[in-house]
Amino acid sequence: MSIFNFKRIVSGAVLAVAALFFASGAQATIVDLINGDSGTINGAMFDWVSSQSTGTGVITPFLRVQADGTEQGYNTSNPSPPFDDKTGVFTRDITFADLMTTEVTIGGVNYFKVLLDVNQSGNGNATFISLDQLQFYTSPIGGQNTTTVSSLGTLRYTFSPGDAVYLDASRNPGSGAGDMFAFIPVSDFAGTAPTDFVYLYCHFGTTYASNDGFEEWSLVVNPIPEASAFFPIVGLLAAVFSTQFVRRRQLQQLSK
């Protein structure tokens, strides 16, 4: 064997080992909400939510998708969506101004908060479903119906290849209870205009197939403080104005 061939073989082996090393370092992230309660994918947090927790805010649905096996879709007010969207008032356009009403701060980081409710039937693994892709796009154009998802607009957030969230619908029996909060970093939407439209694209069923009703996404709008919360402030202001009024009257009488 010549020295040249030997060096070429060694060089090839080194490259193969390096490729294997980097491939193993880029493994997909699986958030297991079947057995666990939380996880992170590309900076976004995904938390299992008990049915009692969905009352902490105003839940506003904006996307429903439904099909057996695998299903996909994105929110749009177009009457002819291209994928597995269920048309109607609960699948619709939303703007960035709408998304901004969901902003929360966790650990010093600002996130937009959306809720996922899944529906499965059966026993054992049949109640499992996998969320295999989640993407957010922004665009000045609403009501789209393209089958080329990447053309929806500016990509703001995405799963990497192989990333997924596994969910168990039986952890919260019944439809409408909610199953997962998704917290998407606000920083991902830098430069977005309030009037821009926000598209959430999702794909389910690659690992655990869908087998029942629709999956629904909702905005979790921060609640407006009740009027009673303002009463102490109003009372304090009234007391201050009353004190100032009495003092002015006293000063006027003394000056006479």
Protein backbone atom coordinates (compact mmCIF):
# COMPACT_ATOMS: atom_id res chain seq x y z
CA MET A 1 0.00 0.00 0.00
CA SER A 2 1.38 3.38 -0.98
CA ILE A 3 1.80 6.19 1.51
CA PHE A 4 -0.69 8.24 -0.51
CA ASN A 5 -3.40 5.57 -0.27
CA PHE A 6 -2.67 5.05 3.44
CA LYS A 7 -3.09 8.78 4.12
CA ARG A 8 -6.30 8.83 2.09
CA ILE A 9 -7.75 5.92 4.08
CA VAL A 10 -6.78 7.49 7.40
CA SER A 11 -8.21 10.84 6.32
CA GLY A 12 -11.47 9.16 5.29
CA ALA A 13 -11.71 7.37 8.62
CA VAL A 14 -11.16 10.60 10.51
CA LEU A 15 -13.89 12.33 8.52
CA ALA A 16 -16.29 9.42 9.13
CA VAL A 17 -15.67 9.53 12.87
CA ALA A 18 -16.11 13.30 12.90
CA ALA A 19 -19.37 13.03 10.97
CA LEU A 20 -20.63 10.41 13.42
CA PHE A 21 -19.65 12.62 16.34
CA PHE A 22 -21.45 15.68 15.01
CA ALA A 23 -24.51 13.64 14.02
CA SER A 24 -24.79 12.21 17.53
CA GLY A 25 -24.44 15.72 18.96
CA ALA A 26 -27.41 16.92 16.87
CA GLN A 27 -29.95 14.42 18.14
CA ALA A 28 -33.62 15.29 18.00
CA THR A 29 -35.34 16.57 21.13
CA ILE A 30 -38.37 14.68 22.40
CA VAL A 31 -40.54 16.31 25.08
CA ASP A 32 -42.36 13.46 26.81
CA LEU A 33 -45.61 14.76 28.28
CA ILE A 34 -46.95 11.22 28.52
CA ASN A 35 -44.76 10.49 31.53
CA GLY A 36 -43.39 13.96 32.34
CA ASP A 37 -44.66 17.48 32.83
CA SER A 38 -42.39 19.81 30.85
CA GLY A 39 -39.60 20.19 28.33
CA THR A 40 -37.91 22.61 25.96
CA ILE A 41 -37.40 22.62 22.19
CA ASN A 42 -35.38 25.39 20.51
CA GLY A 43 -36.04 27.87 23.30
CA ALA A 44 -39.78 27.23 23.58
CA MET A 45 -41.24 25.56 26.66
CA PHE A 46 -43.93 22.89 26.60
CA ASP A 47 -45.82 22.14 29.82
CA TRP A 48 -48.51 19.59 30.53
CA VAL A 49 -51.52 21.32 32.02
CA SER A 50 -54.14 19.87 34.33
CA SER A 51 -57.75 20.51 33.38
CA GLN A 52 -58.15 22.85 36.37
CA SER A 53 -55.45 25.19 35.06
CA THR A 54 -57.19 26.24 31.83
CA GLY A 55 -59.31 28.78 33.68
CA THR A 56 -56.37 31.12 34.33
CA GLY A 57 -57.16 33.49 31.48
CA VAL A 58 -59.47 33.80 28.51
CA ILE A 59 -59.15 30.85 26.11
CA THR A 60 -59.65 31.94 22.48
CA PRO A 61 -59.53 29.09 19.89
CA PHE A 62 -58.05 29.88 16.48
CA LEU A 63 -57.14 26.51 14.88
CA ARG A 64 -58.71 23.06 14.71
CA VAL A 65 -57.24 20.17 12.69
CA GLN A 66 -58.65 16.68 12.31
CA ALA A 67 -57.81 13.56 10.28
CA ASP A 68 -57.12 9.90 11.02
CA GLY A 69 -53.49 8.81 11.09
CA THR A 70 -51.54 11.98 10.40
CA GLU A 71 -53.00 15.48 10.28
CA GLN A 72 -51.67 18.94 9.57
CA GLY A 73 -52.87 22.48 9.09
CA TYR A 74 -52.47 26.15 9.87
CA ASN A 75 -54.89 28.81 11.01
CA THR A 76 -56.51 30.84 8.25
CA SER A 77 -59.81 32.53 7.56
CA ASN A 78 -59.75 31.26 3.98
CA PRO A 79 -62.93 29.20 3.38
CA SER A 80 -60.91 26.52 1.54
CA PRO A 81 -57.88 25.61 3.69
CA PRO A 82 -55.51 23.21 1.92
CA PHE A 83 -54.89 20.63 4.63
CA ASP A 84 -56.88 19.13 7.51
CA ASP A 85 -58.28 22.32 9.02
CA LYS A 86 -61.86 22.22 10.29
CA THR A 87 -63.47 25.31 8.82
CA GLY A 88 -65.63 27.58 10.93
CA VAL A 89 -65.31 30.28 13.55
CA PHE A 90 -62.67 28.32 15.47
CA THR A 91 -60.18 28.27 12.59
CA ARG A 92 -59.31 31.81 11.66
CA ASP A 93 -56.74 34.51 11.08
CA ILE A 94 -55.05 36.08 14.08
CA THR A 95 -52.80 39.12 14.13
CA PHE A 96 -49.65 39.79 16.06
CA ALA A 97 -51.69 42.21 18.19
CA ASP A 98 -53.84 39.21 19.20
CA LEU A 99 -50.76 37.16 20.08
CA MET A 100 -49.35 40.04 22.12
CA THR A 101 -52.30 39.76 24.53
CA THR A 102 -50.91 36.39 25.70
CA GLU A 103 -47.47 37.63 26.79
CA VAL A 104 -46.16 36.29 30.10
CA THR A 105 -42.80 36.47 31.87
CA ILE A 106 -41.16 33.32 33.22
CA GLY A 107 -37.72 33.40 34.79
CA GLY A 108 -37.09 36.86 33.39
CA VAL A 109 -37.88 35.76 29.81
CA ASN A 110 -40.99 36.91 27.90
CA TYR A 111 -43.11 34.32 26.09
CA PHE A 112 -46.33 34.13 24.11
CA LYS A 113 -48.68 31.53 25.61
CA VAL A 114 -50.94 29.20 23.61
CA LEU A 115 -52.94 26.15 24.66
CA LEU A 116 -53.26 22.80 22.89
CA ASP A 117 -56.20 20.48 23.49
CA VAL A 118 -55.90 16.97 21.99
CA ASN A 119 -58.55 14.28 21.48
CA GLN A 120 -57.86 10.55 21.33
CA SER A 121 -59.92 7.44 22.08
CA GLY A 122 -59.16 3.86 23.08
CA ASN A 123 -56.84 2.35 25.65
CA GLY A 124 -53.10 2.13 26.19
CA ASN A 125 -51.01 3.71 23.42
CA ALA A 126 -54.17 4.61 21.50
CA THR A 127 -54.59 7.64 23.75
CA PHE A 128 -51.12 8.91 22.79
CA ILE A 129 -50.55 11.45 20.02
CA SER A 130 -47.36 13.08 18.75
CA LEU A 131 -46.91 16.71 17.77
CA ASP A 132 -44.19 16.32 15.15
CA GLN A 133 -43.84 19.86 13.87
CA LEU A 134 -44.74 23.28 15.19
CA GLN A 135 -43.97 26.46 13.29
CA PHE A 136 -44.95 30.12 13.54
CA TYR A 137 -44.90 32.46 10.56
CA THR A 138 -45.76 36.15 10.25
CA SER A 139 -46.98 37.92 7.13
CA PRO A 140 -48.79 41.11 6.11
CA ILE A 141 -51.14 38.86 4.08
CA GLY A 142 -54.09 37.17 5.75
CA GLY A 143 -56.43 34.39 4.64
CA GLN A 144 -53.80 32.29 2.87
CA ASN A 145 -54.43 28.78 1.54
CA THR A 146 -51.07 27.74 0.08
CA THR A 147 -49.85 24.15 0.29
CA THR A 148 -46.24 25.41 0.43
CA VAL A 149 -46.01 26.10 4.13
CA SER A 150 -42.62 27.79 3.88
CA SER A 151 -44.17 30.51 1.72
CA LEU A 152 -46.59 31.63 4.45
CA GLY A 153 -44.23 34.41 5.48
CA THR A 154 -41.28 34.98 7.80
CA LEU A 155 -40.46 31.87 9.83
CA ARG A 156 -40.35 32.85 13.49
CA TYR A 157 -40.16 29.49 15.27
CA THR A 158 -39.77 25.85 14.22
CA PHE A 159 -38.99 22.36 15.48
CA SER A 160 -35.78 20.90 14.13
CA PRO A 161 -35.99 17.63 12.15
CA GLY A 162 -37.00 14.80 14.48
CA ASP A 163 -38.14 17.04 17.34
CA ALA A 164 -41.52 16.15 18.80
CA VAL A 165 -43.84 16.44 21.78
CA TYR A 166 -45.61 13.26 22.94
CA LEU A 167 -48.98 13.72 24.65
CA ASP A 168 -51.49 11.45 26.37
CA ALA A 169 -55.10 12.59 25.93
CA SER A 170 -56.21 10.39 28.85
CA ARG A 171 -54.32 12.56 31.36
CA ASN A 172 -57.17 15.07 30.99
CA PRO A 173 -60.31 13.09 30.04
CA GLY A 174 -62.77 14.81 27.75
CA SER A 175 -62.57 17.53 25.14
CA GLY A 176 -61.98 21.15 26.06
CA ALA A 177 -59.94 20.59 29.21
CA GLY A 178 -56.64 21.47 27.57
CA ASP A 179 -53.49 19.33 27.61
CA MET A 180 -50.42 21.49 26.99
CA PHE A 181 -49.25 25.06 27.28
CA ALA A 182 -46.70 26.15 24.66
CA PHE A 183 -44.54 29.15 25.55
CA ILE A 184 -42.90 30.68 22.46
CA PRO A 185 -40.14 33.29 23.04
CA VAL A 186 -41.25 36.84 22.30
CA SER A 187 -37.74 37.57 20.99
CA ASP A 188 -38.43 35.24 18.02
CA PHE A 189 -40.91 37.81 16.70
CA ALA A 190 -38.60 40.84 16.69
CA GLY A 191 -39.65 43.40 14.08
CA THR A 192 -43.18 42.05 13.64
CA ALA A 193 -45.85 44.72 13.12
CA PRO A 194 -49.01 44.51 15.30
CA THR A 195 -51.09 44.32 12.11
CA ASP A 196 -49.14 41.37 10.68
CA PHE A 197 -50.92 38.02 10.56
CA VAL A 198 -49.59 35.09 12.60
CA TYR A 199 -49.80 31.56 11.20
CA LEU A 200 -49.36 28.51 13.43
CA TYR A 201 -48.59 25.37 11.43
CA CYS A 202 -48.74 21.98 13.14
CA HIS A 203 -48.34 18.33 12.16
CA PHE A 204 -49.49 15.39 14.28
CA GLY A 205 -49.35 11.61 14.09
CA THR A 206 -45.94 10.48 12.83
CA THR A 207 -45.04 8.51 15.95
CA TYR A 208 -48.46 8.24 17.62
CA ALA A 209 -51.33 8.49 15.15
CA SER A 210 -54.42 10.65 15.59
CA ASN A 211 -57.61 8.62 15.91
CA ASP A 212 -60.47 10.75 17.18
CA GLY A 213 -61.72 14.35 17.34
CA PHE A 214 -60.00 17.57 16.41
CA GLU A 215 -56.86 19.02 17.98
CA GLU A 216 -57.43 22.64 18.96
CA TRP A 217 -55.05 25.57 19.51
CA SER A 218 -56.12 28.60 21.54
CA LEU A 219 -54.67 31.90 22.65
CA VAL A 220 -54.42 32.22 26.44
CA VAL A 221 -55.28 35.90 26.81
CA ASN A 222 -54.16 37.64 29.98
CA PRO A 223 -57.26 38.38 32.06
CA ILE A 224 -58.38 41.99 32.56
CA PRO A 225 -58.30 42.89 36.29
CA GLU A 226 -61.74 42.90 37.87
CA ALA A 227 -63.26 46.24 38.77
CA SER A 228 -63.03 45.38 42.45
CA ALA A 229 -59.24 45.45 42.12
CA PHE A 230 -59.46 49.19 41.43
CA PHE A 231 -61.64 50.02 44.45
CA PRO A 232 -58.73 50.40 46.93
CA ILE A 233 -56.97 52.76 44.50
CA VAL A 234 -60.13 54.81 43.96
CA GLY A 235 -60.65 55.01 47.72
CA LEU A 236 -57.08 56.19 48.27
CA LEU A 237 -57.40 58.89 45.61
CA ALA A 238 -60.70 60.04 47.08
CA ALA A 239 -59.12 60.31 50.53
CA VAL A 240 -56.21 62.36 49.16
CA PHE A 241 -58.48 64.77 47.27
CA SER A 242 -60.75 65.11 50.28
CA THR A 243 -57.82 65.95 52.58
CA GLN A 244 -56.49 68.50 50.10
CA PHE A 245 -59.93 70.11 49.78
CA VAL A 246 -60.38 70.43 53.56
CA ARG A 247 -56.90 71.91 53.95
CA ARG A 248 -57.55 74.52 51.24
CA ARG A 249 -60.80 75.54 52.97
CA GLN A 250 -58.97 75.92 56.28
CA LEU A 251 -56.27 78.08 54.69
CA GLN A 252 -58.91 80.27 53.04
CA GLN A 253 -60.68 80.82 56.37
CA LEU A 254 -57.43 81.73 58.14
CA SER A 255 -56.55 84.26 55.45
CA LYS A 256 -59.82 86.16 55.93
